[in-house]
Amino acid sequence: MARRTTVRLPEDLLNQARRKAAAEGRTLTSLIEDGLRAILNEGPRPAKRKRIAPRISKATGGLMPGVDLTNPWTLQEAEDFEYVRRLQRSE
């Protein structure tokens, strides 16, 4: 036996559902019923995959000798030296 119930839907969703039901030549009730049956007959959703954390470096050593973190120019100079070394290796 069918029962009546009240369902609150966003207006745009209800309008889309009404248009779809009319286009298919069926009632809004049958459209909603089929949608609910489809969802309820689905098997359980697969569990979310376990998140894989990125590997953490175990490197030690600290700063290069002569690098002073309080002076941005020494950091720039260290980067410049590294850039020059890479250029020399590629030649």
N, C-alpha and C. Protein backbone atom coordinates (compact mmCIF):
# COMPACT_ATOMS: atom_id res chain seq x y z
N MET A 1 0.83 -1.18 0.00
CA MET A 1 0.00 0.00 0.00
C MET A 1 0.88 1.24 0.00
N ALA A 2 0.61 2.17 -0.87
CA ALA A 2 1.38 3.41 -0.98
C ALA A 2 0.94 4.38 0.10
N ARG A 3 1.91 5.14 0.60
CA ARG A 3 1.62 6.16 1.61
C ARG A 3 2.05 7.51 1.09
N ARG A 4 1.41 8.54 1.57
CA ARG A 4 1.77 9.90 1.20
C ARG A 4 2.81 10.41 2.18
N THR A 5 3.69 11.23 1.67
CA THR A 5 4.68 11.86 2.54
C THR A 5 5.06 13.21 1.93
N THR A 6 5.66 14.05 2.71
CA THR A 6 6.12 15.35 2.24
C THR A 6 7.63 15.32 2.15
N VAL A 7 8.13 15.77 1.03
CA VAL A 7 9.57 15.83 0.82
C VAL A 7 9.92 17.25 0.43
N ARG A 8 10.92 17.80 1.08
CA ARG A 8 11.36 19.16 0.75
C ARG A 8 12.58 19.06 -0.16
N LEU A 9 12.47 19.66 -1.34
CA LEU A 9 13.55 19.64 -2.32
C LEU A 9 13.87 21.06 -2.75
N PRO A 10 15.12 21.30 -3.12
CA PRO A 10 15.44 22.62 -3.67
C PRO A 10 14.60 22.85 -4.93
N GLU A 11 14.20 24.08 -5.13
CA GLU A 11 13.28 24.41 -6.22
C GLU A 11 13.84 24.02 -7.58
N ASP A 12 15.13 24.28 -7.81
CA ASP A 12 15.71 23.96 -9.11
C ASP A 12 15.74 22.44 -9.35
N LEU A 13 16.01 21.65 -8.32
CA LEU A 13 16.00 20.20 -8.45
C LEU A 13 14.58 19.69 -8.75
N LEU A 14 13.61 20.24 -8.06
CA LEU A 14 12.22 19.84 -8.28
C LEU A 14 11.78 20.18 -9.71
N ASN A 15 12.16 21.35 -10.19
CA ASN A 15 11.81 21.74 -11.56
C ASN A 15 12.45 20.82 -12.59
N GLN A 16 13.72 20.46 -12.37
CA GLN A 16 14.39 19.53 -13.27
C GLN A 16 13.70 18.18 -13.26
N ALA A 17 13.33 17.69 -12.08
CA ALA A 17 12.67 16.39 -11.96
C ALA A 17 11.31 16.42 -12.66
N ARG A 18 10.58 17.50 -12.51
CA ARG A 18 9.26 17.61 -13.17
C ARG A 18 9.42 17.59 -14.70
N ARG A 19 10.42 18.33 -15.20
CA ARG A 19 10.65 18.35 -16.64
C ARG A 19 11.05 16.97 -17.16
N LYS A 20 11.91 16.28 -16.41
CA LYS A 20 12.34 14.94 -16.83
C LYS A 20 11.16 13.98 -16.84
N ALA A 21 10.35 14.02 -15.79
CA ALA A 21 9.17 13.13 -15.73
C ALA A 21 8.23 13.42 -16.89
N ALA A 22 8.00 14.68 -17.19
CA ALA A 22 7.10 15.04 -18.29
C ALA A 22 7.68 14.59 -19.63
N ALA A 23 8.99 14.75 -19.80
CA ALA A 23 9.63 14.35 -21.05
C ALA A 23 9.54 12.84 -21.26
N GLU A 24 9.54 12.10 -20.16
CA GLU A 24 9.45 10.64 -20.25
C GLU A 24 8.01 10.14 -20.20
N GLY A 25 7.06 11.06 -20.04
CA GLY A 25 5.65 10.69 -19.99
C GLY A 25 5.29 9.90 -18.75
N ARG A 26 5.82 10.30 -17.65
CA ARG A 26 5.54 9.61 -16.39
C ARG A 26 5.30 10.61 -15.29
N THR A 27 4.93 10.12 -14.13
CA THR A 27 4.64 11.01 -13.01
C THR A 27 5.92 11.31 -12.23
N LEU A 28 5.88 12.41 -11.53
CA LEU A 28 7.00 12.76 -10.66
C LEU A 28 7.19 11.69 -9.59
N THR A 29 6.08 11.15 -9.08
CA THR A 29 6.15 10.10 -8.06
C THR A 29 6.91 8.88 -8.58
N SER A 30 6.63 8.46 -9.82
CA SER A 30 7.32 7.28 -10.34
C SER A 30 8.80 7.56 -10.57
N LEU A 31 9.14 8.78 -10.96
CA LEU A 31 10.54 9.15 -11.14
C LEU A 31 11.28 9.08 -9.80
N ILE A 32 10.71 9.66 -8.77
CA ILE A 32 11.33 9.65 -7.44
C ILE A 32 11.42 8.21 -6.92
N GLU A 33 10.36 7.43 -7.13
CA GLU A 33 10.36 6.04 -6.68
C GLU A 33 11.48 5.25 -7.35
N ASP A 34 11.63 5.40 -8.66
CA ASP A 34 12.70 4.69 -9.36
C ASP A 34 14.08 5.12 -8.88
N GLY A 35 14.23 6.40 -8.62
CA GLY A 35 15.52 6.90 -8.11
C GLY A 35 15.85 6.33 -6.75
N LEU A 36 14.87 6.30 -5.86
CA LEU A 36 15.10 5.73 -4.53
C LEU A 36 15.41 4.24 -4.61
N ARG A 37 14.68 3.52 -5.45
CA ARG A 37 14.94 2.07 -5.61
C ARG A 37 16.36 1.83 -6.14
N ALA A 38 16.76 2.63 -7.10
CA ALA A 38 18.11 2.47 -7.66
C ALA A 38 19.18 2.67 -6.59
N ILE A 39 19.02 3.66 -5.76
CA ILE A 39 20.00 3.94 -4.70
C ILE A 39 19.97 2.84 -3.65
N LEU A 40 18.78 2.41 -3.25
CA LEU A 40 18.67 1.41 -2.19
C LEU A 40 19.11 0.03 -2.65
N ASN A 41 19.03 -0.26 -3.95
CA ASN A 41 19.44 -1.56 -4.46
C ASN A 41 20.92 -1.65 -4.79
N GLU A 42 21.60 -0.51 -4.73
CA GLU A 42 23.05 -0.52 -4.95
C GLU A 42 23.70 -1.29 -3.82
N GLY A 43 24.79 -1.94 -4.15
CA GLY A 43 25.56 -2.60 -3.10
C GLY A 43 26.24 -1.54 -2.26
N PRO A 44 26.85 -1.95 -1.19
CA PRO A 44 27.56 -0.96 -0.37
C PRO A 44 28.68 -0.31 -1.18
N ARG A 45 28.86 0.93 -0.96
CA ARG A 45 29.91 1.65 -1.67
C ARG A 45 31.26 1.14 -1.17
N PRO A 46 32.23 1.08 -2.07
CA PRO A 46 33.56 0.64 -1.63
C PRO A 46 34.12 1.64 -0.63
N ALA A 47 34.84 1.10 0.33
CA ALA A 47 35.44 1.97 1.35
C ALA A 47 36.46 2.88 0.69
N LYS A 48 36.59 4.05 1.23
CA LYS A 48 37.58 4.98 0.70
C LYS A 48 38.96 4.37 0.87
N ARG A 49 39.78 4.58 -0.17
CA ARG A 49 41.13 4.05 -0.08
C ARG A 49 41.89 4.75 1.02
N LYS A 50 42.74 3.99 1.67
CA LYS A 50 43.54 4.56 2.74
C LYS A 50 44.51 5.58 2.14
N ARG A 51 44.59 6.70 2.77
CA ARG A 51 45.46 7.76 2.28
C ARG A 51 46.91 7.38 2.53
N ILE A 52 47.72 7.52 1.50
CA ILE A 52 49.13 7.19 1.62
C ILE A 52 49.91 8.48 1.87
N ALA A 53 50.58 8.51 2.99
CA ALA A 53 51.36 9.70 3.33
C ALA A 53 52.68 9.68 2.57
N PRO A 54 53.17 10.84 2.18
CA PRO A 54 54.46 10.88 1.48
C PRO A 54 55.58 10.44 2.40
N ARG A 55 56.63 9.89 1.78
CA ARG A 55 57.76 9.46 2.59
C ARG A 55 58.44 10.67 3.21
N ILE A 56 58.99 10.46 4.36
CA ILE A 56 59.69 11.53 5.08
C ILE A 56 61.18 11.27 4.99
N SER A 57 61.90 12.29 4.64
CA SER A 57 63.35 12.16 4.52
C SER A 57 63.96 11.89 5.88
N LYS A 58 64.93 11.02 5.89
CA LYS A 58 65.66 10.74 7.12
C LYS A 58 67.07 11.34 7.04
N ALA A 59 67.25 12.24 6.10
CA ALA A 59 68.56 12.86 5.90
C ALA A 59 68.94 13.70 7.11
N THR A 60 70.22 13.76 7.38
CA THR A 60 70.72 14.58 8.49
C THR A 60 71.79 15.50 7.94
N GLY A 61 72.26 16.37 8.74
CA GLY A 61 73.37 17.21 8.31
C GLY A 61 73.16 18.68 8.60
N GLY A 62 71.98 19.19 8.38
CA GLY A 62 71.73 20.59 8.67
C GLY A 62 72.18 21.50 7.55
N LEU A 63 72.51 22.72 7.91
CA LEU A 63 72.87 23.74 6.93
C LEU A 63 74.27 23.54 6.39
N MET A 64 74.47 24.08 5.18
CA MET A 64 75.82 24.09 4.63
C MET A 64 76.66 25.04 5.46
N PRO A 65 77.95 24.77 5.57
CA PRO A 65 78.82 25.68 6.33
C PRO A 65 78.77 27.09 5.73
N GLY A 66 78.70 28.08 6.56
CA GLY A 66 78.72 29.46 6.12
C GLY A 66 77.36 30.04 5.79
N VAL A 67 76.30 29.27 5.90
CA VAL A 67 74.97 29.77 5.59
C VAL A 67 74.37 30.34 6.87
N ASP A 68 74.02 31.60 6.81
CA ASP A 68 73.41 32.28 7.94
C ASP A 68 71.96 32.57 7.59
N LEU A 69 71.03 31.93 8.30
CA LEU A 69 69.61 32.09 7.99
C LEU A 69 69.08 33.48 8.29
N THR A 70 69.80 34.25 9.05
CA THR A 70 69.34 35.60 9.37
C THR A 70 69.70 36.60 8.27
N ASN A 71 70.57 36.20 7.33
CA ASN A 71 71.00 37.09 6.26
C ASN A 71 70.53 36.50 4.93
N PRO A 72 69.53 37.12 4.29
CA PRO A 72 69.02 36.56 3.03
C PRO A 72 70.06 36.54 1.91
N TRP A 73 71.06 37.38 1.98
CA TRP A 73 72.07 37.42 0.92
C TRP A 73 72.91 36.16 0.93
N THR A 74 73.16 35.58 2.09
CA THR A 74 73.95 34.34 2.11
C THR A 74 73.16 33.19 1.50
N LEU A 75 71.84 33.20 1.69
CA LEU A 75 71.02 32.17 1.06
C LEU A 75 71.04 32.32 -0.45
N GLN A 76 70.93 33.55 -0.94
CA GLN A 76 70.98 33.80 -2.38
C GLN A 76 72.32 33.39 -2.95
N GLU A 77 73.39 33.69 -2.20
CA GLU A 77 74.73 33.34 -2.66
C GLU A 77 74.89 31.82 -2.75
N ALA A 78 74.36 31.09 -1.77
CA ALA A 78 74.43 29.63 -1.80
C ALA A 78 73.67 29.07 -3.00
N GLU A 79 72.51 29.64 -3.30
CA GLU A 79 71.74 29.20 -4.46
C GLU A 79 72.49 29.50 -5.75
N ASP A 80 73.15 30.66 -5.81
CA ASP A 80 73.91 31.02 -6.99
C ASP A 80 75.07 30.04 -7.21
N PHE A 81 75.78 29.67 -6.13
CA PHE A 81 76.88 28.71 -6.25
C PHE A 81 76.37 27.36 -6.74
N GLU A 82 75.23 26.93 -6.23
CA GLU A 82 74.65 25.66 -6.65
C GLU A 82 74.27 25.71 -8.13
N TYR A 83 73.72 26.83 -8.56
CA TYR A 83 73.34 27.00 -9.97
C TYR A 83 74.57 26.93 -10.87
N VAL A 84 75.64 27.59 -10.48
CA VAL A 84 76.87 27.58 -11.26
C VAL A 84 77.42 26.16 -11.33
N ARG A 85 77.39 25.42 -10.20
CA ARG A 85 77.88 24.03 -10.20
C ARG A 85 77.07 23.16 -11.16
N ARG A 86 75.75 23.35 -11.19
CA ARG A 86 74.92 22.57 -12.10
C ARG A 86 75.23 22.91 -13.55
N LEU A 87 75.46 24.19 -13.84
CA LEU A 87 75.82 24.60 -15.19
C LEU A 87 77.14 23.97 -15.63
N GLN A 88 78.11 23.95 -14.72
CA GLN A 88 79.41 23.38 -15.06
C GLN A 88 79.32 21.87 -15.32
N ARG A 89 78.44 21.17 -14.58
CA ARG A 89 78.28 19.72 -14.78
C ARG A 89 77.63 19.42 -16.12
N SER A 90 76.76 20.29 -16.59
CA SER A 90 76.02 20.01 -17.82
C SER A 90 76.85 20.31 -19.07
N GLU A 91 77.97 20.99 -18.95
CA GLU A 91 78.78 21.33 -20.12
C GLU A 91 79.59 20.17 -20.59
